Amino acid sequence: MLDIIKVIILGIVEGLTEFLPISSTGHLIVASALLDFRNALGGTFEIFIQLGAVVAVIIFFRAELLKQVATVSSDKGVQRLWLNIAIAFIPAAALGFIFNDKITEILFRPTVVAVSLIVGGLIFLLVERRPAQPVQTVSLETMTPRQALAVGISQITALIPGVSRSGSTIVGGMLFGLDRAVATKFSFYLAIPTLGIASIYSLVKELDTIQSGDWINLIVGAVVSGIVAWIAVRWLLNYIARNNFVVFGYYRILAGIIIISLVIINVLPA
């Protein structure tokens, strides 16, 4: 199969899975192995094409974002929102910056993805089956710095492929009193600096090793993922905000078992 076709398939996988709580990076690692997609960029390809999904979010929320830019100097609610996004961004960003090479080298493999999917699936099932908890926060503007920090600490776990950035941040927010819809929307906003800066940082680190063919793969992958994410984002936002994670919990467990089975029969590398 031509590399460009593999890149398009991986872009579609990224766009479909980025905002579902099933780990886009984990799915990309497994899909790359199944497609035998080899590149000299380590995990940079999987990380960089997330930039397309970031652009999709910016386009989707463009009206709100433009309004926030126009009113940020006078609107305390907007100031509070972006302060909270900064607070939530820092923990995973700091650890990711320090341990980026080790994370890519040690954790970007199917077995890690499988275990993370299964453990995360079990956590989803436990969280959704707990007794109903009182909701403290029903709007982004009334989130507290403590809640933002809790979401940020939750996002640290998403440095492990298979955990899911959206899943960890939404569940983390819900456990600390955010309404499901608020936790979901905050997770979308948090994706802008988190995925955007991670993509650019990974690209800059590999600039010296990128060949012309690599540029084509990176750009095509990002564009395809952006188009698919833009098409899917409205449905994803509405579904995750209004439905629980039980179906995703079962999906994660099943996917993890399948990946482990494929590793055992040597279809996938460990």
C-alpha atoms as a PDB file:
ATOM      1  CA  MET A   1       0.000   0.000   0.000  1.00  0.00           C
ATOM      2  CA  LEU A   2       1.359   3.444  -0.905  1.00  0.00           C
ATOM      3  CA  ASP A   3       2.476   5.535   2.062  1.00  0.00           C
ATOM      4  CA  ILE A   4       0.140   8.396   1.112  1.00  0.00           C
ATOM      5  CA  ILE A   5      -2.875   6.074   1.354  1.00  0.00           C
ATOM      6  CA  LYS A   6      -1.690   4.923   4.772  1.00  0.00           C
ATOM      7  CA  VAL A   7      -1.280   8.557   5.820  1.00  0.00           C
ATOM      8  CA  ILE A   8      -4.853   9.348   4.712  1.00  0.00           C
ATOM      9  CA  ILE A   9      -6.176   6.370   6.692  1.00  0.00           C
ATOM     10  CA  LEU A  10      -4.229   7.487   9.773  1.00  0.00           C
ATOM     11  CA  GLY A  11      -5.549  11.030   9.345  1.00  0.00           C
ATOM     12  CA  ILE A  12      -9.099   9.674   9.322  1.00  0.00           C
ATOM     13  CA  VAL A  13      -8.375   7.621  12.459  1.00  0.00           C
ATOM     14  CA  GLU A  14      -7.016  10.729  14.206  1.00  0.00           C
ATOM     15  CA  GLY A  15      -9.953  12.913  13.208  1.00  0.00           C
ATOM     16  CA  LEU A  16     -12.519  10.351  14.359  1.00  0.00           C
ATOM     17  CA  THR A  17     -10.874   9.471  17.670  1.00  0.00           C
ATOM     18  CA  GLU A  18      -9.301  12.725  18.930  1.00  0.00           C
ATOM     19  CA  PHE A  19     -12.300  13.891  20.937  1.00  0.00           C
ATOM     20  CA  LEU A  20     -13.736  10.516  21.871  1.00  0.00           C
ATOM     21  CA  PRO A  21     -12.471   9.110  25.190  1.00  0.00           C
ATOM     22  CA  ILE A  22     -10.702   6.205  23.472  1.00  0.00           C
ATOM     23  CA  SER A  23      -7.233   7.694  22.844  1.00  0.00           C
ATOM     24  CA  SER A  24      -6.380   8.952  19.375  1.00  0.00           C
ATOM     25  CA  THR A  25      -2.640   8.466  19.957  1.00  0.00           C
ATOM     26  CA  GLY A  26      -3.223   4.887  21.059  1.00  0.00           C
ATOM     27  CA  HIS A  27      -5.309   4.165  17.972  1.00  0.00           C
ATOM     28  CA  LEU A  28      -2.689   5.790  15.739  1.00  0.00           C
ATOM     29  CA  ILE A  29       0.107   3.679  17.228  1.00  0.00           C
ATOM     30  CA  VAL A  30      -1.848   0.461  16.662  1.00  0.00           C
ATOM     31  CA  ALA A  31      -3.104   1.532  13.211  1.00  0.00           C
ATOM     32  CA  SER A  32       0.444   2.490  12.147  1.00  0.00           C
ATOM     33  CA  ALA A  33       1.690  -0.949  13.204  1.00  0.00           C
ATOM     34  CA  LEU A  34      -1.146  -2.753  11.407  1.00  0.00           C
ATOM     35  CA  LEU A  35      -0.539  -0.724   8.239  1.00  0.00           C
ATOM     36  CA  ASP A  36       3.212  -1.249   8.573  1.00  0.00           C
ATOM     37  CA  PHE A  37       3.620   2.514   8.277  1.00  0.00           C
ATOM     38  CA  ARG A  38       7.276   3.271   8.927  1.00  0.00           C
ATOM     39  CA  ASN A  39       8.745   6.751   9.170  1.00  0.00           C
ATOM     40  CA  ALA A  40      11.922   8.186  10.601  1.00  0.00           C
ATOM     41  CA  LEU A  41      10.132  10.631  12.905  1.00  0.00           C
ATOM     42  CA  GLY A  42       9.438   8.407  15.904  1.00  0.00           C
ATOM     43  CA  GLY A  43       6.164   9.540  17.492  1.00  0.00           C
ATOM     44  CA  THR A  44       6.255  12.970  15.813  1.00  0.00           C
ATOM     45  CA  PHE A  45       3.874  11.952  13.023  1.00  0.00           C
ATOM     46  CA  GLU A  46       1.235  10.707  15.491  1.00  0.00           C
ATOM     47  CA  ILE A  47       1.569  13.883  17.565  1.00  0.00           C
ATOM     48  CA  PHE A  48       1.831  16.411  14.735  1.00  0.00           C
ATOM     49  CA  ILE A  49      -1.294  15.387  12.808  1.00  0.00           C
ATOM     50  CA  GLN A  50      -3.289  16.247  15.936  1.00  0.00           C
ATOM     51  CA  LEU A  51      -2.762  19.833  14.810  1.00  0.00           C
ATOM     52  CA  GLY A  52      -5.517  19.302  12.265  1.00  0.00           C
ATOM     53  CA  ALA A  53      -7.962  18.508  15.064  1.00  0.00           C
ATOM     54  CA  VAL A  54      -6.869  21.668  16.902  1.00  0.00           C
ATOM     55  CA  VAL A  55      -7.666  23.766  13.830  1.00  0.00           C
ATOM     56  CA  ALA A  56     -11.051  22.037  13.612  1.00  0.00           C
ATOM     57  CA  VAL A  57     -11.843  23.056  17.206  1.00  0.00           C
ATOM     58  CA  ILE A  58     -10.759  26.650  16.549  1.00  0.00           C
ATOM     59  CA  ILE A  59     -13.006  26.803  13.471  1.00  0.00           C
ATOM     60  CA  PHE A  60     -15.902  25.223  15.348  1.00  0.00           C
ATOM     61  CA  PHE A  61     -15.650  27.719  18.229  1.00  0.00           C
ATOM     62  CA  ARG A  62     -14.499  30.643  16.074  1.00  0.00           C
ATOM     63  CA  ALA A  63     -17.453  32.900  16.940  1.00  0.00           C
ATOM     64  CA  GLU A  64     -16.958  32.411  20.673  1.00  0.00           C
ATOM     65  CA  LEU A  65     -13.187  32.782  20.408  1.00  0.00           C
ATOM     66  CA  LEU A  66     -13.421  36.015  18.406  1.00  0.00           C
ATOM     67  CA  LYS A  67     -15.890  37.422  20.918  1.00  0.00           C
ATOM     68  CA  GLN A  68     -13.564  36.461  23.767  1.00  0.00           C
ATOM     69  CA  VAL A  69     -10.627  38.170  22.074  1.00  0.00           C
ATOM     70  CA  ALA A  70     -12.713  41.343  21.717  1.00  0.00           C
ATOM     71  CA  THR A  71     -13.918  41.359  25.340  1.00  0.00           C
ATOM     72  CA  VAL A  72     -11.036  39.777  27.272  1.00  0.00           C
ATOM     73  CA  SER A  73      -9.799  43.128  28.617  1.00  0.00           C
ATOM     74  CA  SER A  74     -13.130  43.881  30.301  1.00  0.00           C
ATOM     75  CA  ASP A  75     -14.926  40.537  30.745  1.00  0.00           C
ATOM     76  CA  LYS A  76     -13.985  38.900  34.042  1.00  0.00           C
ATOM     77  CA  GLY A  77     -15.609  35.625  32.995  1.00  0.00           C
ATOM     78  CA  VAL A  78     -13.414  35.357  29.892  1.00  0.00           C
ATOM     79  CA  GLN A  79     -10.331  36.229  31.931  1.00  0.00           C
ATOM     80  CA  ARG A  80     -11.225  33.552  34.477  1.00  0.00           C
ATOM     81  CA  LEU A  81     -11.808  30.956  31.734  1.00  0.00           C
ATOM     82  CA  TRP A  82      -8.394  31.440  30.115  1.00  0.00           C
ATOM     83  CA  LEU A  83      -6.639  31.629  33.470  1.00  0.00           C
ATOM     84  CA  ASN A  84      -8.180  28.243  34.252  1.00  0.00           C
ATOM     85  CA  ILE A  85      -7.097  26.886  30.860  1.00  0.00           C
ATOM     86  CA  ALA A  86      -3.540  28.037  31.617  1.00  0.00           C
ATOM     87  CA  ILE A  87      -3.666  26.364  35.044  1.00  0.00           C
ATOM     88  CA  ALA A  88      -4.966  23.117  33.542  1.00  0.00           C
ATOM     89  CA  PHE A  89      -2.391  23.227  30.735  1.00  0.00           C
ATOM     90  CA  ILE A  90       0.739  23.556  32.880  1.00  0.00           C
ATOM     91  CA  PRO A  91       1.007  20.138  34.673  1.00  0.00           C
ATOM     92  CA  ALA A  92       0.973  17.878  31.605  1.00  0.00           C
ATOM     93  CA  ALA A  93       2.919  20.417  29.540  1.00  0.00           C
ATOM     94  CA  ALA A  94       5.729  20.560  32.099  1.00  0.00           C
ATOM     95  CA  LEU A  95       6.038  16.790  32.476  1.00  0.00           C
ATOM     96  CA  GLY A  96       5.650  16.235  28.745  1.00  0.00           C
ATOM     97  CA  PHE A  97       8.455  18.716  28.058  1.00  0.00           C
ATOM     98  CA  ILE A  98      10.795  17.037  30.561  1.00  0.00           C
ATOM     99  CA  PHE A  99      10.041  13.418  29.676  1.00  0.00           C
ATOM    100  CA  ASN A 100       8.981  13.694  26.011  1.00  0.00           C
ATOM    101  CA  ASP A 101      11.804  11.542  24.605  1.00  0.00           C
ATOM    102  CA  LYS A 102      11.386   8.800  27.210  1.00  0.00           C
ATOM    103  CA  ILE A 103       7.610   8.741  26.767  1.00  0.00           C
ATOM    104  CA  THR A 104       7.956   8.295  23.000  1.00  0.00           C
ATOM    105  CA  GLU A 105      10.736   5.726  23.301  1.00  0.00           C
ATOM    106  CA  ILE A 106       9.233   3.574  26.066  1.00  0.00           C
ATOM    107  CA  LEU A 107       5.458   4.018  25.888  1.00  0.00           C
ATOM    108  CA  PHE A 108       4.605   4.352  22.185  1.00  0.00           C
ATOM    109  CA  ARG A 109       3.885   0.662  21.684  1.00  0.00           C
ATOM    110  CA  PRO A 110       0.770  -1.519  21.283  1.00  0.00           C
ATOM    111  CA  THR A 111       1.103  -3.355  24.615  1.00  0.00           C
ATOM    112  CA  VAL A 112       1.092  -0.086  26.570  1.00  0.00           C
ATOM    113  CA  VAL A 113      -1.920   1.095  24.561  1.00  0.00           C
ATOM    114  CA  ALA A 114      -3.794  -2.146  25.265  1.00  0.00           C
ATOM    115  CA  VAL A 115      -3.221  -2.030  29.029  1.00  0.00           C
ATOM    116  CA  SER A 116      -4.137   1.670  29.170  1.00  0.00           C
ATOM    117  CA  LEU A 117      -7.331   1.078  27.196  1.00  0.00           C
ATOM    118  CA  ILE A 118      -8.433  -1.716  29.525  1.00  0.00           C
ATOM    119  CA  VAL A 119      -7.579   0.121  32.755  1.00  0.00           C
ATOM    120  CA  GLY A 120      -9.242   3.294  31.478  1.00  0.00           C
ATOM    121  CA  GLY A 121     -12.311   1.330  30.421  1.00  0.00           C
ATOM    122  CA  LEU A 122     -12.663  -0.154  33.899  1.00  0.00           C
ATOM    123  CA  ILE A 123     -12.307   3.318  35.436  1.00  0.00           C
ATOM    124  CA  PHE A 124     -15.024   4.666  33.133  1.00  0.00           C
ATOM    125  CA  LEU A 125     -17.399   1.887  34.199  1.00  0.00           C
ATOM    126  CA  LEU A 126     -16.680   2.511  37.884  1.00  0.00           C
ATOM    127  CA  VAL A 127     -17.129   6.281  37.561  1.00  0.00           C
ATOM    128  CA  GLU A 128     -20.415   5.979  35.680  1.00  0.00           C
ATOM    129  CA  ARG A 129     -21.810   3.469  38.185  1.00  0.00           C
ATOM    130  CA  ARG A 130     -21.042   5.546  41.280  1.00  0.00           C
ATOM    131  CA  PRO A 131     -23.959   7.203  43.101  1.00  0.00           C
ATOM    132  CA  ALA A 132     -25.039  10.504  41.588  1.00  0.00           C
ATOM    133  CA  GLN A 133     -22.926  13.403  42.844  1.00  0.00           C
ATOM    134  CA  PRO A 134     -24.036  17.021  43.260  1.00  0.00           C
ATOM    135  CA  VAL A 135     -22.962  19.260  40.383  1.00  0.00           C
ATOM    136  CA  GLN A 136     -21.266  22.431  41.597  1.00  0.00           C
ATOM    137  CA  THR A 137     -20.422  24.158  38.311  1.00  0.00           C
ATOM    138  CA  VAL A 138     -22.749  24.555  35.324  1.00  0.00           C
ATOM    139  CA  SER A 139     -20.833  27.155  33.271  1.00  0.00           C
ATOM    140  CA  LEU A 140     -17.254  27.633  32.097  1.00  0.00           C
ATOM    141  CA  GLU A 141     -17.094  31.117  33.611  1.00  0.00           C
ATOM    142  CA  THR A 142     -17.787  29.855  37.142  1.00  0.00           C
ATOM    143  CA  MET A 143     -15.106  27.157  37.194  1.00  0.00           C
ATOM    144  CA  THR A 144     -12.636  27.548  40.033  1.00  0.00           C
ATOM    145  CA  PRO A 145      -8.826  27.378  39.804  1.00  0.00           C
ATOM    146  CA  ARG A 146      -8.991  24.283  42.030  1.00  0.00           C
ATOM    147  CA  GLN A 147     -11.226  22.522  39.498  1.00  0.00           C
ATOM    148  CA  ALA A 148      -8.942  23.611  36.651  1.00  0.00           C
ATOM    149  CA  LEU A 149      -5.925  22.216  38.499  1.00  0.00           C
ATOM    150  CA  ALA A 150      -7.775  18.927  39.032  1.00  0.00           C
ATOM    151  CA  VAL A 151      -8.446  18.707  35.294  1.00  0.00           C
ATOM    152  CA  GLY A 152      -4.795  19.542  34.612  1.00  0.00           C
ATOM    153  CA  ILE A 153      -3.546  16.819  36.946  1.00  0.00           C
ATOM    154  CA  SER A 154      -5.951  14.380  35.302  1.00  0.00           C
ATOM    155  CA  GLN A 155      -4.524  15.321  31.909  1.00  0.00           C
ATOM    156  CA  ILE A 156      -1.062  14.136  33.047  1.00  0.00           C
ATOM    157  CA  THR A 157      -2.273  10.542  32.746  1.00  0.00           C
ATOM    158  CA  ALA A 158      -2.940  11.148  29.042  1.00  0.00           C
ATOM    159  CA  LEU A 159       0.816  11.294  28.443  1.00  0.00           C
ATOM    160  CA  ILE A 160       0.481   7.501  28.449  1.00  0.00           C
ATOM    161  CA  PRO A 161      -0.794   6.347  25.028  1.00  0.00           C
ATOM    162  CA  GLY A 162      -4.170   4.667  25.360  1.00  0.00           C
ATOM    163  CA  VAL A 163      -5.381   6.735  28.314  1.00  0.00           C
ATOM    164  CA  SER A 164      -7.170   9.453  26.257  1.00  0.00           C
ATOM    165  CA  ARG A 165      -6.732  13.170  26.826  1.00  0.00           C
ATOM    166  CA  SER A 166     -10.430  13.945  26.369  1.00  0.00           C
ATOM    167  CA  GLY A 167     -11.502  11.048  28.602  1.00  0.00           C
ATOM    168  CA  SER A 168      -9.111  11.913  31.446  1.00  0.00           C
ATOM    169  CA  THR A 169      -9.975  15.621  31.435  1.00  0.00           C
ATOM    170  CA  ILE A 170     -13.756  15.149  31.197  1.00  0.00           C
ATOM    171  CA  VAL A 171     -13.837  12.499  33.931  1.00  0.00           C
ATOM    172  CA  GLY A 172     -11.424  14.533  36.061  1.00  0.00           C
ATOM    173  CA  GLY A 173     -13.667  17.574  35.729  1.00  0.00           C
ATOM    174  CA  MET A 174     -16.807  15.601  36.566  1.00  0.00           C
ATOM    175  CA  LEU A 175     -15.211  14.100  39.671  1.00  0.00           C
ATOM    176  CA  PHE A 176     -14.511  17.624  40.911  1.00  0.00           C
ATOM    177  CA  GLY A 177     -18.007  19.008  40.434  1.00  0.00           C
ATOM    178  CA  LEU A 178     -18.226  20.072  36.796  1.00  0.00           C
ATOM    179  CA  ASP A 179     -21.391  19.421  34.850  1.00  0.00           C
ATOM    180  CA  ARG A 180     -20.743  16.872  32.064  1.00  0.00           C
ATOM    181  CA  ALA A 181     -21.396  19.466  29.334  1.00  0.00           C
ATOM    182  CA  VAL A 182     -19.074  21.992  31.021  1.00  0.00           C
ATOM    183  CA  ALA A 183     -16.340  19.391  31.509  1.00  0.00           C
ATOM    184  CA  THR A 184     -16.653  18.402  27.836  1.00  0.00           C
ATOM    185  CA  LYS A 185     -16.455  21.954  26.532  1.00  0.00           C
ATOM    186  CA  PHE A 186     -13.546  22.799  28.822  1.00  0.00           C
ATOM    187  CA  SER A 187     -11.734  19.724  27.494  1.00  0.00           C
ATOM    188  CA  PHE A 188     -12.244  21.031  23.940  1.00  0.00           C
ATOM    189  CA  TYR A 189     -10.851  24.448  24.859  1.00  0.00           C
ATOM    190  CA  LEU A 190      -7.923  22.865  26.677  1.00  0.00           C
ATOM    191  CA  ALA A 191      -7.101  20.891  23.529  1.00  0.00           C
ATOM    192  CA  ILE A 192      -6.154  24.117  21.733  1.00  0.00           C
ATOM    193  CA  PRO A 193      -2.961  24.908  23.713  1.00  0.00           C
ATOM    194  CA  THR A 194      -2.239  21.297  24.721  1.00  0.00           C
ATOM    195  CA  LEU A 195      -2.335  19.662  21.301  1.00  0.00           C
ATOM    196  CA  GLY A 196      -1.261  22.769  19.400  1.00  0.00           C
ATOM    197  CA  ILE A 197       1.919  23.358  21.401  1.00  0.00           C
ATOM    198  CA  ALA A 198       2.730  19.633  21.591  1.00  0.00           C
ATOM    199  CA  SER A 199       2.448  19.344  17.795  1.00  0.00           C
ATOM    200  CA  ILE A 200       4.655  22.352  17.132  1.00  0.00           C
ATOM    201  CA  TYR A 201       7.205  21.316  19.771  1.00  0.00           C
ATOM    202  CA  SER A 202       7.531  17.807  18.315  1.00  0.00           C
ATOM    203  CA  LEU A 203       7.916  19.241  14.826  1.00  0.00           C
ATOM    204  CA  VAL A 204      10.612  21.728  15.863  1.00  0.00           C
ATOM    205  CA  LYS A 205      12.569  18.972  17.629  1.00  0.00           C
ATOM    206  CA  GLU A 206      12.659  16.882  14.455  1.00  0.00           C
ATOM    207  CA  LEU A 207      13.256  19.674  11.912  1.00  0.00           C
ATOM    208  CA  ASP A 208      16.795  18.518  11.158  1.00  0.00           C
ATOM    209  CA  THR A 209      15.678  14.984  10.320  1.00  0.00           C
ATOM    210  CA  ILE A 210      12.565  15.760   8.262  1.00  0.00           C
ATOM    211  CA  GLN A 211      12.889  14.905   4.577  1.00  0.00           C
ATOM    212  CA  SER A 212      10.676  16.170   1.737  1.00  0.00           C
ATOM    213  CA  GLY A 213       8.597  12.983   1.813  1.00  0.00           C
ATOM    214  CA  ASP A 214       8.065  13.400   5.548  1.00  0.00           C
ATOM    215  CA  TRP A 215       6.676  16.916   5.021  1.00  0.00           C
ATOM    216  CA  ILE A 216       4.118  15.587   2.569  1.00  0.00           C
ATOM    217  CA  ASN A 217       3.025  12.900   5.036  1.00  0.00           C
ATOM    218  CA  LEU A 218       2.811  15.367   7.938  1.00  0.00           C
ATOM    219  CA  ILE A 219       0.791  17.936   5.998  1.00  0.00           C
ATOM    220  CA  VAL A 220      -1.580  15.431   4.383  1.00  0.00           C
ATOM    221  CA  GLY A 221      -2.133  13.667   7.722  1.00  0.00           C
ATOM    222  CA  ALA A 222      -2.890  16.949   9.504  1.00  0.00           C
ATOM    223  CA  VAL A 223      -5.231  18.204   6.758  1.00  0.00           C
ATOM    224  CA  VAL A 224      -7.188  14.939   6.597  1.00  0.00           C
ATOM    225  CA  SER A 225      -7.475  14.735  10.391  1.00  0.00           C
ATOM    226  CA  GLY A 226      -8.674  18.348  10.474  1.00  0.00           C
ATOM    227  CA  ILE A 227     -11.377  17.792   7.864  1.00  0.00           C
ATOM    228  CA  VAL A 228     -12.654  14.617   9.554  1.00  0.00           C
ATOM    229  CA  ALA A 229     -12.528  16.212  13.030  1.00  0.00           C
ATOM    230  CA  TRP A 230     -14.398  19.285  11.757  1.00  0.00           C
ATOM    231  CA  ILE A 231     -17.154  17.074  10.355  1.00  0.00           C
ATOM    232  CA  ALA A 232     -17.325  14.977  13.523  1.00  0.00           C
ATOM    233  CA  VAL A 233     -16.816  17.577  16.239  1.00  0.00           C
ATOM    234  CA  ARG A 234     -20.440  18.739  16.564  1.00  0.00           C
ATOM    235  CA  TRP A 235     -21.718  15.177  16.941  1.00  0.00           C
ATOM    236  CA  LEU A 236     -18.896  14.295  19.313  1.00  0.00           C
ATOM    237  CA  LEU A 237     -19.506  17.344  21.513  1.00  0.00           C
ATOM    238  CA  ASN A 238     -23.240  16.704  21.732  1.00  0.00           C
ATOM    239  CA  TYR A 239     -22.900  12.960  22.304  1.00  0.00           C
ATOM    240  CA  ILE A 240     -20.221  13.102  24.991  1.00  0.00           C
ATOM    241  CA  ALA A 241     -22.006  15.952  26.768  1.00  0.00           C
ATOM    242  CA  ARG A 242     -25.352  14.123  26.940  1.00  0.00           C
ATOM    243  CA  ASN A 243     -24.390  10.467  27.281  1.00  0.00           C
ATOM    244  CA  ASN A 244     -22.301   8.570  29.798  1.00  0.00           C
ATOM    245  CA  PHE A 245     -19.029   6.744  29.158  1.00  0.00           C
ATOM    246  CA  VAL A 246     -20.330   3.201  29.671  1.00  0.00           C
ATOM    247  CA  VAL A 247     -20.289   2.314  25.961  1.00  0.00           C
ATOM    248  CA  PHE A 248     -16.766   3.712  25.670  1.00  0.00           C
ATOM    249  CA  GLY A 249     -15.704   1.751  28.732  1.00  0.00           C
ATOM    250  CA  TYR A 250     -16.789  -1.515  27.136  1.00  0.00           C
ATOM    251  CA  TYR A 251     -15.252  -0.503  23.807  1.00  0.00           C
ATOM    252  CA  ARG A 252     -11.902   0.241  25.460  1.00  0.00           C
ATOM    253  CA  ILE A 253     -11.830  -3.102  27.268  1.00  0.00           C
ATOM    254  CA  LEU A 254     -12.717  -5.005  24.099  1.00  0.00           C
ATOM    255  CA  ALA A 255     -10.164  -3.056  22.014  1.00  0.00           C
ATOM    256  CA  GLY A 256      -7.462  -3.687  24.620  1.00  0.00           C
ATOM    257  CA  ILE A 257      -8.162  -7.428  24.628  1.00  0.00           C
ATOM    258  CA  ILE A 258      -8.051  -7.533  20.816  1.00  0.00           C
ATOM    259  CA  ILE A 259      -4.722  -5.671  20.737  1.00  0.00           C
ATOM    260  CA  ILE A 260      -3.186  -8.032  23.302  1.00  0.00           C
ATOM    261  CA  SER A 261      -4.451 -11.000  21.286  1.00  0.00           C
ATOM    262  CA  LEU A 262      -2.848  -9.568  18.118  1.00  0.00           C
ATOM    263  CA  VAL A 263       0.419  -9.111  20.005  1.00  0.00           C
ATOM    264  CA  ILE A 264       0.314 -12.714  21.241  1.00  0.00           C
ATOM    265  CA  ILE A 265      -0.140 -14.093  17.706  1.00  0.00           C
ATOM    266  CA  ASN A 266       2.602 -11.744  16.417  1.00  0.00           C
ATOM    267  CA  VAL A 267       0.341  -9.637  14.190  1.00  0.00           C
ATOM    268  CA  LEU A 268       1.374  -6.596  16.226  1.00  0.00           C
ATOM    269  CA  PRO A 269       4.771  -5.950  17.838  1.00  0.00           C
ATOM    270  CA  ALA A 270       4.848  -5.861  21.627  1.00  0.00           C
END
